[in-house]
Amino acid sequence: MKPLSSFLAAGALLWSLSACDSWISVEPPPDGSFETNYKPVYLRRSQLESSIRLEEPRDLKNLAKIYYKEGFLFITEQYEGVHLIDNRNPAQPQKLAFLRVYGSVDLAMKGHTLYVDNAVDLVAIDLSEVEQPRIVSRVRHAFPGLLPPDGGTIPDRYKLDSEDDERIIVDWIED
């Protein structure tokens, strides 16, 4: 009889706690929306378009996509750029460089051309000479603006006017 009484006591305790609002997590409104806890990081259009550059290799932290081609790995660091790694010897991968591309999340390759999102733009970069990447084309506004990572709605104070092409959201940081 003791196990049954313990089970009933635990059930009664849980039921009583569920009636207490302070123990219940805050749920989003019925329409599923909630205001984000992040604030945007902006770059001016001119800064965005001149920001792609090759940097020293760095540690991998917040990865988004991985692409493998002919023994090389191209790994997107969310909102920051692309790691270039020589993986022809998988036992000893060599970090070659980090390609700074603000606002990047996704990538693809065709031949020696890397296609990557640069926030709202699609950029094609010729990597036939990895030491000297060359932008071969840019399609402005190929993608919608970057959304907050928590999926929340953007407060009015952060919303950009559809006519505002001077400021571009390239990242989100916790507020």
N, C-alpha and C. Protein backbone atom coordinates (compact mmCIF):
# COMPACT_ATOMS: atom_id res chain seq x y z
N MET A 1 0.81 -1.19 0.00
CA MET A 1 0.00 0.00 0.00
C MET A 1 0.86 1.27 0.00
N LYS A 2 2.07 1.15 0.54
CA LYS A 2 2.93 2.31 0.66
C LYS A 2 3.26 2.93 -0.71
N PRO A 3 3.61 2.12 -1.77
CA PRO A 3 3.92 2.71 -3.07
C PRO A 3 2.73 3.49 -3.64
N LEU A 4 1.52 3.01 -3.46
CA LEU A 4 0.36 3.70 -3.99
C LEU A 4 0.15 5.03 -3.28
N SER A 5 0.33 5.07 -1.96
CA SER A 5 0.14 6.33 -1.24
C SER A 5 1.23 7.34 -1.61
N SER A 6 2.46 6.87 -1.85
CA SER A 6 3.53 7.77 -2.28
C SER A 6 3.23 8.33 -3.66
N PHE A 7 2.73 7.49 -4.54
CA PHE A 7 2.38 7.92 -5.90
C PHE A 7 1.27 8.97 -5.85
N LEU A 8 0.25 8.75 -5.03
CA LEU A 8 -0.86 9.70 -4.91
C LEU A 8 -0.39 11.02 -4.30
N ALA A 9 0.50 10.95 -3.31
CA ALA A 9 1.03 12.17 -2.68
C ALA A 9 1.84 12.98 -3.70
N ALA A 10 2.66 12.31 -4.50
CA ALA A 10 3.45 13.01 -5.52
C ALA A 10 2.54 13.63 -6.57
N GLY A 11 1.50 12.91 -6.95
CA GLY A 11 0.54 13.43 -7.92
C GLY A 11 -0.18 14.66 -7.39
N ALA A 12 -0.58 14.61 -6.11
CA ALA A 12 -1.27 15.76 -5.49
C ALA A 12 -0.34 16.97 -5.44
N LEU A 13 0.93 16.74 -5.12
CA LEU A 13 1.90 17.84 -5.06
C LEU A 13 2.07 18.48 -6.44
N LEU A 14 2.24 17.66 -7.47
CA LEU A 14 2.39 18.19 -8.83
C LEU A 14 1.14 18.96 -9.25
N TRP A 15 -0.05 18.44 -8.93
CA TRP A 15 -1.29 19.10 -9.30
C TRP A 15 -1.39 20.46 -8.60
N SER A 16 -1.01 20.53 -7.33
CA SER A 16 -1.10 21.79 -6.60
C SER A 16 -0.11 22.81 -7.15
N LEU A 17 1.07 22.36 -7.55
CA LEU A 17 2.06 23.29 -8.11
C LEU A 17 1.64 23.81 -9.48
N SER A 18 0.91 22.99 -10.23
CA SER A 18 0.51 23.42 -11.56
C SER A 18 -0.50 24.56 -11.50
N ALA A 19 -1.15 24.74 -10.37
CA ALA A 19 -2.11 25.83 -10.22
C ALA A 19 -1.42 27.15 -9.92
N CYS A 20 -0.13 27.10 -9.59
CA CYS A 20 0.63 28.30 -9.23
C CYS A 20 1.28 28.89 -10.48
N ASP A 21 0.87 30.11 -10.87
CA ASP A 21 1.37 30.74 -12.08
C ASP A 21 2.88 30.93 -12.07
N SER A 22 3.48 31.14 -10.91
CA SER A 22 4.92 31.39 -10.87
C SER A 22 5.73 30.15 -11.25
N TRP A 23 5.12 28.98 -11.23
CA TRP A 23 5.83 27.75 -11.60
C TRP A 23 5.64 27.39 -13.06
N ILE A 24 4.78 28.10 -13.75
CA ILE A 24 4.50 27.80 -15.14
C ILE A 24 5.34 28.71 -16.02
N SER A 25 5.98 28.15 -17.05
CA SER A 25 6.78 28.97 -17.94
C SER A 25 5.86 29.89 -18.75
N VAL A 26 6.39 31.04 -19.12
CA VAL A 26 5.62 31.99 -19.90
C VAL A 26 5.48 31.46 -21.31
N GLU A 27 4.26 31.40 -21.79
CA GLU A 27 4.02 30.89 -23.14
C GLU A 27 3.74 32.05 -24.07
N PRO A 28 4.09 31.87 -25.35
CA PRO A 28 3.81 32.94 -26.31
C PRO A 28 2.31 33.13 -26.48
N PRO A 29 1.91 34.28 -26.99
CA PRO A 29 0.48 34.51 -27.23
C PRO A 29 -0.10 33.45 -28.16
N PRO A 30 -1.44 33.33 -28.20
CA PRO A 30 -2.08 32.29 -29.00
C PRO A 30 -1.69 32.32 -30.49
N ASP A 31 -1.34 33.50 -31.01
CA ASP A 31 -0.97 33.57 -32.43
C ASP A 31 0.45 33.07 -32.66
N GLY A 32 1.17 32.67 -31.60
CA GLY A 32 2.51 32.12 -31.73
C GLY A 32 3.61 33.16 -31.75
N SER A 33 3.27 34.44 -31.68
CA SER A 33 4.29 35.48 -31.77
C SER A 33 4.81 35.87 -30.39
N PHE A 34 6.04 36.30 -30.36
CA PHE A 34 6.64 36.86 -29.16
C PHE A 34 7.76 37.79 -29.62
N GLU A 35 8.05 38.79 -28.84
CA GLU A 35 9.08 39.75 -29.22
C GLU A 35 10.45 39.16 -28.95
N THR A 36 11.34 39.31 -29.91
CA THR A 36 12.68 38.75 -29.80
C THR A 36 13.47 39.34 -28.64
N ASN A 37 14.40 38.56 -28.11
CA ASN A 37 15.32 39.02 -27.07
C ASN A 37 16.67 39.41 -27.67
N TYR A 38 16.71 39.60 -28.98
CA TYR A 38 17.93 39.96 -29.67
C TYR A 38 17.81 41.34 -30.29
N LYS A 39 18.95 41.98 -30.50
CA LYS A 39 18.94 43.25 -31.22
C LYS A 39 19.85 43.11 -32.44
N PRO A 40 19.51 43.80 -33.52
CA PRO A 40 20.25 43.63 -34.77
C PRO A 40 21.59 44.35 -34.77
N VAL A 41 22.51 43.81 -35.56
CA VAL A 41 23.78 44.45 -35.86
C VAL A 41 23.69 44.88 -37.32
N TYR A 42 23.93 46.16 -37.58
CA TYR A 42 23.80 46.70 -38.92
C TYR A 42 25.15 47.02 -39.54
N LEU A 43 25.21 46.95 -40.87
CA LEU A 43 26.31 47.51 -41.64
C LEU A 43 25.69 48.41 -42.70
N ARG A 44 26.40 49.44 -43.07
CA ARG A 44 25.97 50.27 -44.19
C ARG A 44 26.17 49.46 -45.46
N ARG A 45 25.38 49.75 -46.47
CA ARG A 45 25.47 49.05 -47.75
C ARG A 45 26.92 49.07 -48.28
N SER A 46 27.57 50.21 -48.23
CA SER A 46 28.95 50.32 -48.74
C SER A 46 29.90 49.45 -47.92
N GLN A 47 29.68 49.36 -46.60
CA GLN A 47 30.52 48.51 -45.75
C GLN A 47 30.30 47.04 -46.08
N LEU A 48 29.05 46.66 -46.27
CA LEU A 48 28.72 45.28 -46.59
C LEU A 48 29.42 44.85 -47.87
N GLU A 49 29.33 45.68 -48.89
CA GLU A 49 29.87 45.32 -50.20
C GLU A 49 31.40 45.31 -50.24
N SER A 50 32.03 45.96 -49.30
CA SER A 50 33.51 45.96 -49.28
C SER A 50 34.07 45.11 -48.14
N SER A 51 33.22 44.35 -47.46
CA SER A 51 33.65 43.64 -46.26
C SER A 51 34.21 42.24 -46.52
N ILE A 52 34.01 41.67 -47.69
CA ILE A 52 34.47 40.31 -47.94
C ILE A 52 35.99 40.32 -48.08
N ARG A 53 36.64 39.52 -47.23
CA ARG A 53 38.11 39.49 -47.25
C ARG A 53 38.61 38.18 -46.65
N LEU A 54 39.82 37.83 -47.02
CA LEU A 54 40.46 36.64 -46.51
C LEU A 54 41.18 36.97 -45.21
N GLU A 55 41.00 36.13 -44.18
CA GLU A 55 41.64 36.33 -42.89
C GLU A 55 42.37 35.06 -42.48
N GLU A 56 43.11 35.15 -41.41
CA GLU A 56 43.81 33.99 -40.85
C GLU A 56 42.77 32.94 -40.41
N PRO A 57 43.14 31.66 -40.46
CA PRO A 57 42.22 30.63 -39.95
C PRO A 57 41.88 30.89 -38.49
N ARG A 58 40.71 30.43 -38.08
CA ARG A 58 40.28 30.61 -36.70
C ARG A 58 39.49 29.40 -36.25
N ASP A 59 39.20 29.35 -34.96
CA ASP A 59 38.46 28.22 -34.40
C ASP A 59 37.02 28.22 -34.92
N LEU A 60 36.48 27.03 -35.07
CA LEU A 60 35.08 26.87 -35.47
C LEU A 60 34.21 27.00 -34.23
N LYS A 61 33.14 27.79 -34.30
CA LYS A 61 32.30 28.03 -33.12
C LYS A 61 30.82 27.74 -33.38
N ASN A 62 30.20 28.57 -34.21
CA ASN A 62 28.76 28.53 -34.42
C ASN A 62 28.48 28.18 -35.88
N LEU A 63 28.55 26.90 -36.19
CA LEU A 63 28.52 26.45 -37.57
C LEU A 63 27.12 26.38 -38.14
N ALA A 64 27.02 26.64 -39.43
CA ALA A 64 25.73 26.59 -40.10
C ALA A 64 25.70 25.48 -41.15
N LYS A 65 26.51 25.57 -42.20
CA LYS A 65 26.50 24.58 -43.29
C LYS A 65 27.90 24.07 -43.56
N ILE A 66 27.98 22.84 -44.07
CA ILE A 66 29.25 22.24 -44.46
C ILE A 66 29.12 21.77 -45.90
N TYR A 67 30.14 22.09 -46.70
CA TYR A 67 30.17 21.68 -48.09
C TYR A 67 31.52 21.02 -48.34
N TYR A 68 31.49 19.85 -49.00
CA TYR A 68 32.72 19.11 -49.30
C TYR A 68 32.92 19.08 -50.80
N LYS A 69 34.13 19.41 -51.25
CA LYS A 69 34.43 19.36 -52.68
C LYS A 69 35.90 19.04 -52.87
N GLU A 70 36.15 17.92 -53.56
CA GLU A 70 37.49 17.52 -53.96
C GLU A 70 38.52 17.59 -52.83
N GLY A 71 38.12 17.09 -51.65
CA GLY A 71 39.05 17.04 -50.53
C GLY A 71 39.09 18.31 -49.69
N PHE A 72 38.28 19.28 -50.02
CA PHE A 72 38.25 20.53 -49.26
C PHE A 72 36.90 20.70 -48.57
N LEU A 73 36.93 21.26 -47.38
CA LEU A 73 35.71 21.56 -46.64
C LEU A 73 35.50 23.07 -46.64
N PHE A 74 34.26 23.47 -46.84
CA PHE A 74 33.84 24.86 -46.76
C PHE A 74 32.75 24.88 -45.71
N ILE A 75 33.03 25.52 -44.58
CA ILE A 75 32.12 25.48 -43.43
C ILE A 75 31.71 26.90 -43.07
N THR A 76 30.41 27.13 -43.05
CA THR A 76 29.90 28.46 -42.73
C THR A 76 29.88 28.68 -41.23
N GLU A 77 30.46 29.77 -40.79
CA GLU A 77 30.36 30.25 -39.41
C GLU A 77 29.18 31.22 -39.43
N GLN A 78 28.11 30.86 -38.73
CA GLN A 78 26.87 31.60 -38.84
C GLN A 78 27.05 33.11 -38.70
N TYR A 79 26.60 33.84 -39.71
CA TYR A 79 26.59 35.30 -39.81
C TYR A 79 27.97 35.93 -39.96
N GLU A 80 29.05 35.11 -40.04
CA GLU A 80 30.39 35.69 -40.04
C GLU A 80 31.23 35.38 -41.27
N GLY A 81 31.12 34.17 -41.83
CA GLY A 81 31.95 33.84 -42.97
C GLY A 81 32.11 32.36 -43.19
N VAL A 82 33.17 32.00 -43.94
CA VAL A 82 33.37 30.61 -44.36
C VAL A 82 34.80 30.16 -44.01
N HIS A 83 34.89 29.03 -43.32
CA HIS A 83 36.17 28.40 -43.04
C HIS A 83 36.58 27.60 -44.27
N LEU A 84 37.84 27.73 -44.69
CA LEU A 84 38.38 26.97 -45.81
C LEU A 84 39.38 25.97 -45.24
N ILE A 85 39.09 24.67 -45.42
CA ILE A 85 39.89 23.62 -44.78
C ILE A 85 40.31 22.58 -45.81
N ASP A 86 41.59 22.28 -45.86
CA ASP A 86 42.12 21.22 -46.71
C ASP A 86 41.94 19.91 -45.94
N ASN A 87 41.08 19.03 -46.44
CA ASN A 87 40.78 17.77 -45.76
C ASN A 87 41.19 16.57 -46.63
N ARG A 88 42.17 16.79 -47.51
CA ARG A 88 42.62 15.69 -48.36
C ARG A 88 43.28 14.59 -47.53
N ASN A 89 43.80 14.94 -46.37
CA ASN A 89 44.29 13.96 -45.42
C ASN A 89 43.40 14.08 -44.18
N PRO A 90 42.30 13.32 -44.12
CA PRO A 90 41.34 13.47 -43.01
C PRO A 90 41.95 13.28 -41.63
N ALA A 91 43.06 12.59 -41.54
CA ALA A 91 43.71 12.41 -40.24
C ALA A 91 44.38 13.69 -39.76
N GLN A 92 44.69 14.60 -40.70
CA GLN A 92 45.33 15.87 -40.36
C GLN A 92 44.76 17.01 -41.21
N PRO A 93 43.51 17.41 -40.96
CA PRO A 93 42.95 18.53 -41.73
C PRO A 93 43.73 19.82 -41.48
N GLN A 94 43.89 20.62 -42.50
CA GLN A 94 44.65 21.87 -42.39
C GLN A 94 43.71 23.06 -42.61
N LYS A 95 43.62 23.93 -41.60
CA LYS A 95 42.85 25.15 -41.76
C LYS A 95 43.64 26.08 -42.67
N LEU A 96 43.04 26.45 -43.80
CA LEU A 96 43.73 27.31 -44.77
C LEU A 96 43.50 28.79 -44.48
N ALA A 97 42.22 29.14 -44.29
CA ALA A 97 41.88 30.55 -44.11
C ALA A 97 40.43 30.67 -43.66
N PHE A 98 40.08 31.87 -43.30
CA PHE A 98 38.69 32.21 -42.99
C PHE A 98 38.30 33.32 -43.95
N LEU A 99 37.23 33.10 -44.70
CA LEU A 99 36.74 34.10 -45.64
C LEU A 99 35.62 34.88 -44.95
N ARG A 100 35.90 36.13 -44.59
CA ARG A 100 34.92 36.99 -43.90
C ARG A 100 33.80 37.33 -44.88
N VAL A 101 32.57 36.93 -44.52
CA VAL A 101 31.38 37.25 -45.31
C VAL A 101 30.27 37.51 -44.29
N TYR A 102 30.06 38.77 -43.94
CA TYR A 102 29.05 39.10 -42.94
C TYR A 102 27.66 38.63 -43.37
N GLY A 103 26.91 38.11 -42.39
CA GLY A 103 25.54 37.70 -42.64
C GLY A 103 25.41 36.36 -43.35
N SER A 104 26.49 35.60 -43.46
CA SER A 104 26.42 34.33 -44.20
C SER A 104 25.86 33.21 -43.33
N VAL A 105 25.07 32.37 -43.98
CA VAL A 105 24.50 31.20 -43.34
C VAL A 105 24.62 29.99 -44.27
N ASP A 106 24.46 30.22 -45.55
CA ASP A 106 24.41 29.13 -46.52
C ASP A 106 25.46 29.31 -47.60
N LEU A 107 25.79 28.22 -48.27
CA LEU A 107 26.76 28.29 -49.36
C LEU A 107 26.54 27.15 -50.33
N ALA A 108 27.10 27.30 -51.52
CA ALA A 108 27.11 26.26 -52.54
C ALA A 108 28.34 26.49 -53.40
N MET A 109 28.73 25.46 -54.15
CA MET A 109 29.90 25.57 -55.03
C MET A 109 29.52 25.06 -56.42
N LYS A 110 30.11 25.67 -57.42
CA LYS A 110 30.05 25.15 -58.78
C LYS A 110 31.41 25.47 -59.40
N GLY A 111 32.13 24.41 -59.76
CA GLY A 111 33.49 24.61 -60.24
C GLY A 111 34.33 25.21 -59.12
N HIS A 112 34.99 26.32 -59.42
CA HIS A 112 35.79 27.03 -58.41
C HIS A 112 35.06 28.24 -57.85
N THR A 113 33.76 28.32 -58.12
CA THR A 113 32.99 29.48 -57.67
C THR A 113 32.19 29.13 -56.41
N LEU A 114 32.40 29.92 -55.38
CA LEU A 114 31.67 29.80 -54.13
C LEU A 114 30.50 30.77 -54.18
N TYR A 115 29.29 30.27 -53.94
CA TYR A 115 28.11 31.11 -53.85
C TYR A 115 27.72 31.17 -52.39
N VAL A 116 27.63 32.38 -51.86
CA VAL A 116 27.37 32.54 -50.43
C VAL A 116 26.48 33.76 -50.21
N ASP A 117 25.63 33.67 -49.18
CA ASP A 117 24.80 34.83 -48.85
C ASP A 117 25.61 35.80 -48.02
N ASN A 118 25.53 37.05 -48.41
CA ASN A 118 26.19 38.16 -47.72
C ASN A 118 25.05 39.01 -47.18
N ALA A 119 24.45 38.54 -46.07
CA ALA A 119 23.21 39.10 -45.51
C ALA A 119 22.10 38.94 -46.55
N VAL A 120 21.64 40.02 -47.14
CA VAL A 120 20.53 39.95 -48.11
C VAL A 120 20.99 39.71 -49.54
N ASP A 121 22.28 39.77 -49.79
CA ASP A 121 22.81 39.63 -51.15
C ASP A 121 23.33 38.22 -51.40
N LEU A 122 23.33 37.82 -52.67
CA LEU A 122 23.99 36.59 -53.10
C LEU A 122 25.28 36.99 -53.80
N VAL A 123 26.39 36.42 -53.35
CA VAL A 123 27.69 36.77 -53.90
C VAL A 123 28.35 35.53 -54.48
N ALA A 124 28.94 35.69 -55.65
CA ALA A 124 29.73 34.62 -56.27
C ALA A 124 31.19 35.01 -56.15
N ILE A 125 32.00 34.10 -55.59
CA ILE A 125 33.42 34.38 -55.34
C ILE A 125 34.26 33.32 -56.03
N ASP A 126 35.16 33.76 -56.88
CA ASP A 126 36.07 32.85 -57.57
C ASP A 126 37.18 32.45 -56.61
N LEU A 127 37.28 31.13 -56.35
CA LEU A 127 38.31 30.61 -55.45
C LEU A 127 39.35 29.78 -56.19
N SER A 128 39.49 30.03 -57.50
CA SER A 128 40.50 29.25 -58.23
C SER A 128 41.89 29.49 -57.66
N GLU A 129 42.11 30.67 -57.08
CA GLU A 129 43.32 30.95 -56.31
C GLU A 129 42.85 31.31 -54.90
N VAL A 130 42.90 30.32 -54.01
CA VAL A 130 42.36 30.49 -52.65
C VAL A 130 42.99 31.69 -51.94
N GLU A 131 44.24 31.96 -52.21
CA GLU A 131 44.93 33.07 -51.54
C GLU A 131 44.42 34.43 -52.01
N GLN A 132 43.73 34.46 -53.14
CA GLN A 132 43.22 35.72 -53.68
C GLN A 132 41.78 35.55 -54.17
N PRO A 133 40.82 35.41 -53.23
CA PRO A 133 39.43 35.27 -53.66
C PRO A 133 38.98 36.53 -54.40
N ARG A 134 38.17 36.33 -55.43
CA ARG A 134 37.75 37.46 -56.25
C ARG A 134 36.23 37.41 -56.42
N ILE A 135 35.57 38.49 -56.05
CA ILE A 135 34.11 38.57 -56.21
C ILE A 135 33.83 38.74 -57.70
N VAL A 136 33.02 37.82 -58.25
CA VAL A 136 32.70 37.90 -59.68
C VAL A 136 31.30 38.43 -59.93
N SER A 137 30.41 38.32 -58.94
CA SER A 137 29.09 38.93 -59.10
C SER A 137 28.41 39.08 -57.75
N ARG A 138 27.45 39.99 -57.72
CA ARG A 138 26.64 40.25 -56.53
C ARG A 138 25.22 40.52 -56.99
N VAL A 139 24.26 39.82 -56.39
CA VAL A 139 22.84 40.07 -56.65
C VAL A 139 22.29 40.70 -55.38
N ARG A 140 21.97 41.98 -55.47
CA ARG A 140 21.43 42.69 -54.31
C ARG A 140 20.02 42.21 -53.99
N HIS A 141 19.73 42.10 -52.71
CA HIS A 141 18.41 41.72 -52.20
C HIS A 141 17.89 40.40 -52.78
N ALA A 142 18.78 39.44 -52.92
CA ALA A 142 18.37 38.11 -53.37
C ALA A 142 17.62 37.36 -52.26
N PHE A 143 17.85 37.77 -51.02
CA PHE A 143 17.26 37.09 -49.86
C PHE A 143 16.55 38.11 -48.97
N PRO A 144 15.57 37.63 -48.19
CA PRO A 144 14.96 38.53 -47.20
C PRO A 144 15.96 38.84 -46.10
N GLY A 145 15.67 39.83 -45.28
CA GLY A 145 16.56 40.19 -44.18
C GLY A 145 16.72 39.06 -43.18
N LEU A 146 17.85 39.07 -42.46
CA LEU A 146 18.10 38.05 -41.45
C LEU A 146 17.12 38.20 -40.30
N LEU A 147 16.57 37.08 -39.86
CA LEU A 147 15.62 37.08 -38.76
C LEU A 147 16.34 36.74 -37.45
N PRO A 148 15.77 37.14 -36.32
CA PRO A 148 16.38 36.82 -35.02
C PRO A 148 16.46 35.31 -34.82
N PRO A 149 17.53 34.84 -34.19
CA PRO A 149 17.71 33.39 -34.00
C PRO A 149 16.65 32.73 -33.13
N ASP A 150 15.98 33.50 -32.28
CA ASP A 150 14.95 32.89 -31.42
C ASP A 150 13.59 32.84 -32.10
N GLY A 151 13.49 33.33 -33.33
CA GLY A 151 12.23 33.27 -34.07
C GLY A 151 11.21 34.30 -33.64
N GLY A 152 11.59 35.21 -32.76
CA GLY A 152 10.66 36.22 -32.28
C GLY A 152 10.41 37.31 -33.30
N THR A 153 9.36 38.08 -33.04
CA THR A 153 9.05 39.21 -33.91
C THR A 153 10.02 40.36 -33.61
N ILE A 154 10.26 41.16 -34.62
CA ILE A 154 11.20 42.28 -34.48
C ILE A 154 10.46 43.49 -33.96
N PRO A 155 10.91 44.07 -32.84
CA PRO A 155 10.26 45.28 -32.32
C PRO A 155 10.32 46.41 -33.35
N ASP A 156 9.32 47.27 -33.33
CA ASP A 156 9.23 48.37 -34.30
C ASP A 156 10.50 49.21 -34.34
N ARG A 157 11.14 49.39 -33.17
CA ARG A 157 12.33 50.26 -33.13
C ARG A 157 13.49 49.69 -33.96
N TYR A 158 13.46 48.39 -34.29
CA TYR A 158 14.52 47.77 -35.07
C TYR A 158 14.13 47.53 -36.52
N LYS A 159 12.88 47.69 -36.84
CA LYS A 159 12.43 47.40 -38.20
C LYS A 159 13.00 48.42 -39.18
N LEU A 160 13.39 47.91 -40.34
CA LEU A 160 13.91 48.77 -41.39
C LEU A 160 12.80 49.11 -42.37
N ASP A 161 12.80 50.33 -42.83
CA ASP A 161 11.87 50.75 -43.87
C ASP A 161 12.22 50.00 -45.14
N SER A 162 11.22 49.57 -45.89
CA SER A 162 11.50 48.81 -47.12
C SER A 162 12.30 49.63 -48.13
N GLU A 163 12.28 50.94 -48.00
CA GLU A 163 13.04 51.80 -48.90
C GLU A 163 14.47 52.03 -48.40
N ASP A 164 14.75 51.63 -47.16
CA ASP A 164 16.07 51.86 -46.56
C ASP A 164 17.06 50.82 -47.06
N ASP A 165 17.90 51.21 -48.00
CA ASP A 165 18.91 50.31 -48.54
C ASP A 165 20.28 50.63 -47.94
N GLU A 166 20.33 51.60 -47.05
CA GLU A 166 21.61 52.03 -46.48
C GLU A 166 22.05 51.14 -45.32
N ARG A 167 21.10 50.62 -44.53
CA ARG A 167 21.43 49.76 -43.39
C ARG A 167 20.97 48.33 -43.67
N ILE A 168 21.87 47.39 -43.38
CA ILE A 168 21.57 45.97 -43.60
C ILE A 168 21.86 45.23 -42.29
N ILE A 169 20.94 44.36 -41.88
CA ILE A 169 21.16 43.54 -40.68
C ILE A 169 22.08 42.39 -41.06
N VAL A 170 23.22 42.27 -40.35
CA VAL A 170 24.19 41.21 -40.65
C VAL A 170 24.34 40.20 -39.50
N ASP A 171 23.73 40.49 -38.35
CA ASP A 171 23.85 39.58 -37.21
C ASP A 171 22.83 39.99 -36.16
N TRP A 172 22.62 39.13 -35.18
CA TRP A 172 21.76 39.42 -34.03
C TRP A 172 22.54 39.10 -32.77
N ILE A 173 22.47 39.98 -31.77
CA ILE A 173 23.11 39.71 -30.48
C ILE A 173 22.06 39.81 -29.39
N GLU A 174 22.29 39.07 -28.30
CA GLU A 174 21.32 39.08 -27.19
C GLU A 174 21.26 40.46 -26.59
N ASP A 175 20.06 40.91 -26.35
CA ASP A 175 19.81 42.25 -25.82
C ASP A 175 20.03 42.30 -24.33
